[in-house]
Protein backbone atom coordinates (compact mmCIF):
# COMPACT_ATOMS: atom_id res chain seq x y z
CA UNK A 1 82.79 109.74 5.14
CA UNK A 2 79.91 112.09 5.15
CA UNK A 3 78.52 110.28 8.14
CA UNK A 4 81.89 110.60 10.05
CA UNK A 5 82.37 114.17 9.53
CA UNK A 6 78.66 114.90 10.59
CA UNK A 7 79.25 112.72 13.85
CA UNK A 8 82.48 114.71 14.47
CA UNK A 9 80.62 117.98 13.91
CA UNK A 10 78.20 116.95 16.40
CA UNK A 11 80.44 115.91 18.99
CA UNK A 12 82.22 119.25 18.58
CA UNK A 13 78.87 120.95 18.93
CA UNK A 14 77.90 119.28 22.06
CA UNK A 15 81.42 120.04 23.50
CA UNK A 16 81.10 123.67 22.75
CA UNK A 17 77.60 123.80 24.49
CA UNK A 18 79.00 122.12 27.53
CA UNK A 19 81.96 124.37 27.57
CA UNK A 20 79.56 127.39 27.46
CA UNK A 21 77.27 126.07 30.31
CA UNK A 22 80.04 125.41 32.60
CA UNK A 23 81.47 128.81 31.86
CA UNK A 24 78.12 130.55 32.54
CA UNK A 25 77.88 128.32 35.83
CA UNK A 26 81.19 129.65 36.95
CA UNK A 27 80.41 133.27 36.36
CA UNK A 28 77.08 132.90 38.03
CA UNK A 29 78.86 131.35 41.05
CA UNK A 30 81.53 134.22 41.20
CA UNK A 31 78.73 136.95 40.97
CA UNK A 32 76.50 135.10 43.79
CA UNK A 33 79.69 134.86 46.09
CA UNK A 34 80.58 138.44 45.51
CA UNK A 35 76.95 139.55 46.24
CA UNK A 36 76.78 137.73 49.35
CA UNK A 37 80.10 139.34 50.52
CA UNK A 38 78.66 142.67 49.92
CA UNK A 39 75.77 141.99 51.99
CA UNK A 40 77.96 141.20 55.17
CA UNK A 41 78.67 143.74 57.64
CA UNK A 42 82.09 145.49 57.08
CA UNK A 43 84.80 146.36 59.63
CA UNK A 44 84.78 150.07 60.17
CA UNK A 45 87.86 152.06 59.04
CA UNK A 46 87.14 154.68 61.70
CA UNK A 47 89.61 154.47 64.62
CA UNK A 48 88.44 154.52 68.33
CA UNK A 49 88.99 157.79 70.06
CA UNK A 50 91.90 156.05 72.13
CA UNK A 51 93.78 155.02 69.04
CA UNK A 52 93.27 158.22 67.03
CA UNK A 53 94.62 160.41 69.74
CA UNK A 54 97.59 158.15 70.21
CA UNK A 55 96.79 157.99 73.89
CA UNK A 56 96.50 154.96 76.19
CA UNK A 57 93.43 152.97 75.29
CA UNK A 58 90.69 152.99 78.03
CA UNK A 59 89.14 149.79 78.95
CA UNK A 60 85.29 149.90 78.78
CA UNK A 61 83.56 147.41 80.96
CA UNK A 62 80.84 146.24 78.81
CA UNK A 63 79.77 143.15 80.59
CA UNK A 64 80.89 139.47 80.35
CA UNK A 65 79.94 136.18 78.91
CA UNK A 66 79.51 133.27 81.55
CA UNK A 67 79.61 129.65 80.48
CA UNK A 68 76.18 128.10 81.26
CA UNK A 69 76.65 124.72 79.41
CA UNK A 70 79.80 123.27 77.59
CA UNK A 71 81.47 120.09 76.99
CA UNK A 72 84.75 121.98 76.38
CA UNK A 73 84.81 124.97 78.68
CA UNK A 74 84.34 124.99 82.60
CA UNK A 75 80.82 125.98 83.73
CA UNK A 76 80.82 129.38 85.37
CA UNK A 77 84.15 130.48 83.23
CA UNK A 78 83.83 134.01 82.58
CA UNK A 79 84.95 136.22 79.44
CA UNK A 80 85.06 139.83 80.01
CA UNK A 81 84.15 142.16 77.21
CA UNK A 82 86.08 145.27 76.91
CA UNK A 83 86.32 147.91 73.73
CA UNK A 84 87.50 145.09 71.50
CA UNK A 85 85.18 142.52 69.72
CA UNK A 86 85.40 138.80 71.00
CA UNK A 87 85.29 136.01 68.68
CA UNK A 88 84.08 132.38 69.53
CA UNK A 89 84.55 129.22 67.50
CA UNK A 90 86.35 126.02 67.23
CA UNK A 91 89.66 127.58 65.62
CA UNK A 92 92.60 128.29 67.94
CA UNK A 93 92.81 131.86 66.64
CA UNK A 94 89.54 132.78 68.62
CA UNK A 95 89.22 134.73 71.85
CA UNK A 96 87.23 131.82 73.29
CA UNK A 97 88.34 128.55 71.47
CA UNK A 98 86.10 125.72 71.83
CA UNK A 99 88.16 123.11 69.74
CA UNK A 100 86.26 120.01 70.71
CA UNK A 101 82.86 121.23 70.04
CA UNK A 102 81.96 119.29 66.61
CA UNK A 103 78.92 121.57 66.06
CA UNK A 104 80.91 124.81 66.21
CA UNK A 105 82.38 126.46 63.21
CA UNK A 106 86.15 127.56 62.96
CA UNK A 107 85.02 131.07 63.49
CA UNK A 108 81.51 131.06 64.65
CA UNK A 109 80.15 134.17 66.21
CA UNK A 110 81.44 137.71 67.03
CA UNK A 111 80.41 139.60 70.19
CA UNK A 112 81.09 143.31 69.70
CA UNK A 113 80.68 146.08 72.39
CA UNK A 114 79.61 149.34 70.88
CA UNK A 115 78.57 152.60 72.20
CA UNK A 116 75.01 151.66 72.11
CA UNK A 117 75.33 148.22 73.68
CA UNK A 118 76.79 144.86 73.09
CA UNK A 119 76.17 143.17 69.83
CA UNK A 120 76.38 139.49 68.59
CA UNK A 121 76.57 138.42 64.98
CA UNK A 122 76.83 135.23 63.37
CA UNK A 123 80.33 134.95 61.36
CA UNK A 124 78.82 132.66 58.54
CA UNK A 125 78.65 129.65 60.68
CA UNK A 126 77.41 126.31 59.33
CA UNK A 127 74.97 125.34 62.03
CA UNK A 128 74.11 129.08 63.11
CA UNK A 129 74.14 131.14 66.31
CA UNK A 130 71.07 131.25 68.57
CA UNK A 131 70.20 133.90 71.20
CA UNK A 132 67.58 132.60 73.63
CA UNK A 133 66.77 129.63 71.38
CA UNK A 134 66.12 131.72 68.44
CA UNK A 135 68.56 131.58 65.29
CA UNK A 136 69.80 134.97 64.37
CA UNK A 137 70.55 136.00 60.81
CA UNK A 138 71.84 139.60 61.35
CA UNK A 139 73.53 141.39 64.35
CA UNK A 140 71.38 141.62 67.49
CA UNK A 141 71.80 143.63 70.49
CA UNK A 142 72.18 141.63 73.73
CA UNK A 143 70.59 142.44 76.96
CA UNK A 144 71.12 141.17 80.76
CA UNK A 145 70.56 137.41 80.90
CA UNK A 146 70.48 136.57 77.05
CA UNK A 147 72.01 133.14 76.35
CA UNK A 148 73.99 132.85 73.27
CA UNK A 149 74.38 129.15 71.94
CA UNK A 150 77.37 128.30 69.65
CA UNK A 151 77.51 124.68 68.64
CA UNK A 152 76.88 122.91 72.06
CA UNK A 153 78.25 125.85 74.16
CA UNK A 154 75.93 128.20 75.87
CA UNK A 155 77.05 131.66 77.14
CA UNK A 156 75.08 134.01 79.27
CA UNK A 157 75.54 137.80 78.78
CA UNK A 158 75.93 139.70 82.11
CA UNK A 159 76.32 143.39 82.73
């Protein structure tokens, strides 16, 4: 009888320890995810002058993206950049959808015209975003002729 109660207590102790380990791993995962979300650039709550004034929004010609290489899009196809951000990815909700590109994420990259130029930022993609062959890990300002690679699709920035 003593042996059975000792075994029972040992099993309960092991289960308690396993539960605590799983609980701490769960909490650590939540904290890590929250910390990663805080480091990502956040959307601005400041309205553009056109939206704040209630007037008609002016279209700002910030340049365009031209398809250089793609198995999905037609080479030479152009996507104009105005005052709104442009998203590129495999999902249909993107401004530039590359649904058949297996190496692109659902929402892969964001191209955002700002007052100081056009900026590109990776939207948390799996395979990364490359500008002129270099993987970017934070927003980068584009200059004339820069080539942005999203999956197997290459887009050249032109002003």
